[in-house]
């Protein structure tokens, strides 16, 4: 037995997979192992296309949220219409959706750098301005 294992309390030399890691019980840790490789691969394919079309990490320079929202909506429409190959890239529409969501997620996680690109027009109203009653989910335009 190695010296390292001799220092571990309650270790009797049995190797049976019964060890417990903190990440299995610590709810504050993101369970990244639950993200399927297919999602990572989808984003990767679209990002690789972006390198060829624009430049590596070009998206990190920032872009209007509305442009990304529009792209997501177009690709969802293509997917919904069973158009499974984007004519420009040859990729699946879900690849592009994944990349756009990745960009928006990154921008939202770094608001100090990307707030100036947040040009969303619609927001959920907290109250109706006519009678001040709360209307959950009612969409209004930003003022």
Protein backbone atom coordinates (compact mmCIF):
# COMPACT_ATOMS: atom_id res chain seq x y z
CA UNK A 1 0.00 0.00 0.00
CA UNK A 2 1.36 3.44 -0.85
CA UNK A 3 2.19 6.02 1.78
CA UNK A 4 -0.61 8.29 0.46
CA UNK A 5 -3.27 5.68 1.25
CA UNK A 6 -1.78 5.02 4.67
CA UNK A 7 -2.59 8.65 5.55
CA UNK A 8 -6.29 8.36 4.64
CA UNK A 9 -8.33 7.63 7.77
CA UNK A 10 -10.63 4.61 7.64
CA UNK A 11 -9.09 3.28 4.41
CA UNK A 12 -8.66 -0.46 4.70
CA UNK A 13 -7.10 -1.10 1.27
CA UNK A 14 -10.38 -2.07 -0.45
CA UNK A 15 -10.84 -0.58 -3.94
CA UNK A 16 -14.54 -1.01 -4.71
CA UNK A 17 -15.77 2.34 -6.03
CA UNK A 18 -17.36 3.22 -2.71
CA UNK A 19 -15.52 6.51 -2.33
CA UNK A 20 -17.68 9.60 -2.02
CA UNK A 21 -16.76 12.93 -3.59
CA UNK A 22 -17.96 16.25 -2.24
CA UNK A 23 -19.55 17.10 -5.61
CA UNK A 24 -22.01 14.25 -5.11
CA UNK A 25 -23.42 15.84 -1.98
CA UNK A 26 -22.56 19.54 -2.40
CA UNK A 27 -25.61 21.15 -4.03
CA UNK A 28 -23.66 24.35 -4.65
CA UNK A 29 -21.53 22.63 -7.30
CA UNK A 30 -22.86 22.62 -10.84
CA UNK A 31 -23.39 19.00 -11.99
CA UNK A 32 -21.60 19.59 -15.30
CA UNK A 33 -21.43 15.84 -15.89
CA UNK A 34 -25.17 15.98 -16.65
CA UNK A 35 -24.62 18.09 -19.77
CA UNK A 36 -24.66 15.68 -22.69
CA UNK A 37 -21.70 15.76 -25.10
CA UNK A 38 -24.17 16.32 -27.95
CA UNK A 39 -24.94 19.82 -26.61
CA UNK A 40 -21.27 20.70 -26.29
CA UNK A 41 -20.62 19.29 -29.77
CA UNK A 42 -23.51 21.29 -31.26
CA UNK A 43 -22.12 24.55 -29.90
CA UNK A 44 -18.63 23.54 -30.99
CA UNK A 45 -19.71 22.89 -34.58
CA UNK A 46 -21.39 26.29 -34.82
CA UNK A 47 -18.42 28.03 -33.20
CA UNK A 48 -16.07 26.33 -35.69
CA UNK A 49 -18.26 27.64 -38.52
CA UNK A 50 -18.00 31.09 -36.93
CA UNK A 51 -14.20 30.89 -36.99
CA UNK A 52 -14.30 30.25 -40.73
CA UNK A 53 -16.91 32.94 -41.41
CA UNK A 54 -15.82 35.65 -38.94
CA UNK A 55 -12.92 35.08 -36.55
CA UNK A 56 -12.07 33.04 -33.48
CA UNK A 57 -13.88 34.47 -30.44
CA UNK A 58 -15.48 37.17 -32.61
CA UNK A 59 -18.72 36.77 -30.62
CA UNK A 60 -16.91 37.94 -27.48
CA UNK A 61 -16.72 41.43 -28.97
CA UNK A 62 -20.47 41.63 -28.31
CA UNK A 63 -23.51 41.98 -30.50
CA UNK A 64 -27.08 43.15 -30.12
CA UNK A 65 -29.24 40.77 -28.13
CA UNK A 66 -31.97 41.34 -30.74
CA UNK A 67 -29.71 39.96 -33.48
CA UNK A 68 -29.16 36.79 -31.48
CA UNK A 69 -32.84 36.51 -30.58
CA UNK A 70 -33.69 36.88 -34.27
CA UNK A 71 -31.20 34.19 -35.24
CA UNK A 72 -32.59 31.85 -32.58
CA UNK A 73 -36.14 32.44 -33.82
CA UNK A 74 -35.13 31.84 -37.46
CA UNK A 75 -33.33 28.61 -36.60
CA UNK A 76 -36.24 27.43 -34.43
CA UNK A 77 -38.55 28.11 -37.38
CA UNK A 78 -36.29 26.07 -39.67
CA UNK A 79 -36.19 23.25 -37.15
CA UNK A 80 -39.96 23.37 -36.68
CA UNK A 81 -40.38 23.20 -40.47
CA UNK A 82 -38.16 20.09 -40.56
CA UNK A 83 -35.35 21.94 -42.34
CA UNK A 84 -32.50 20.03 -40.73
CA UNK A 85 -29.62 21.50 -42.72
CA UNK A 86 -28.74 25.19 -42.71
CA UNK A 87 -28.01 26.17 -46.34
CA UNK A 88 -25.22 28.58 -45.34
CA UNK A 89 -23.28 26.35 -42.97
CA UNK A 90 -24.50 22.83 -43.66
CA UNK A 91 -25.10 22.48 -39.93
CA UNK A 92 -28.25 21.49 -38.08
CA UNK A 93 -30.34 24.48 -36.88
CA UNK A 94 -29.98 23.24 -33.29
CA UNK A 95 -26.21 23.76 -33.59
CA UNK A 96 -26.78 27.45 -34.31
CA UNK A 97 -29.44 27.78 -31.59
CA UNK A 98 -27.01 26.28 -29.09
CA UNK A 99 -24.29 28.77 -30.02
CA UNK A 100 -26.65 31.77 -29.85
CA UNK A 101 -27.92 30.71 -26.44
CA UNK A 102 -24.30 30.28 -25.34
CA UNK A 103 -23.51 33.85 -26.39
CA UNK A 104 -26.56 35.31 -24.63
CA UNK A 105 -25.81 33.30 -21.50
CA UNK A 106 -22.23 34.57 -21.46
CA UNK A 107 -23.35 38.17 -22.02
CA UNK A 108 -25.89 37.93 -19.18
CA UNK A 109 -23.28 36.45 -16.86
CA UNK A 110 -20.97 39.40 -17.61
CA UNK A 111 -23.35 42.38 -17.53
CA UNK A 112 -20.64 45.00 -16.92
CA UNK A 113 -19.03 44.19 -20.27
CA UNK A 114 -22.14 43.49 -22.38
CA UNK A 115 -25.02 45.56 -20.97
CA UNK A 116 -24.76 48.05 -23.85
CA UNK A 117 -25.82 45.28 -26.26
CA UNK A 118 -29.05 44.52 -24.37
CA UNK A 119 -31.60 46.00 -26.75
CA UNK A 120 -34.52 43.76 -25.86
CA UNK A 121 -37.78 45.50 -26.69
CA UNK A 122 -40.33 43.48 -24.75
CA UNK A 123 -40.61 42.82 -21.05
CA UNK A 124 -43.18 41.18 -18.81
CA UNK A 125 -45.37 43.83 -17.17
CA UNK A 126 -45.52 43.76 -13.40
CA UNK A 127 -48.84 45.63 -13.25
CA UNK A 128 -51.50 46.83 -15.66
CA UNK A 129 -51.13 50.62 -15.88
CA UNK A 130 -54.92 51.14 -16.26
CA UNK A 131 -56.13 49.56 -13.04
CA UNK A 132 -52.87 48.54 -11.32
CA UNK A 133 -53.86 44.86 -11.22
CA UNK A 134 -51.06 42.37 -11.63
CA UNK A 135 -51.26 40.51 -14.90
CA UNK A 136 -48.69 37.69 -14.89
CA UNK A 137 -47.00 37.14 -18.22
CA UNK A 138 -48.40 40.21 -19.95
CA UNK A 139 -45.85 41.47 -22.43
CA UNK A 140 -45.28 45.19 -22.99
CA UNK A 141 -42.70 47.24 -24.86
CA UNK A 142 -39.84 48.90 -22.99
CA UNK A 143 -40.41 52.61 -22.50
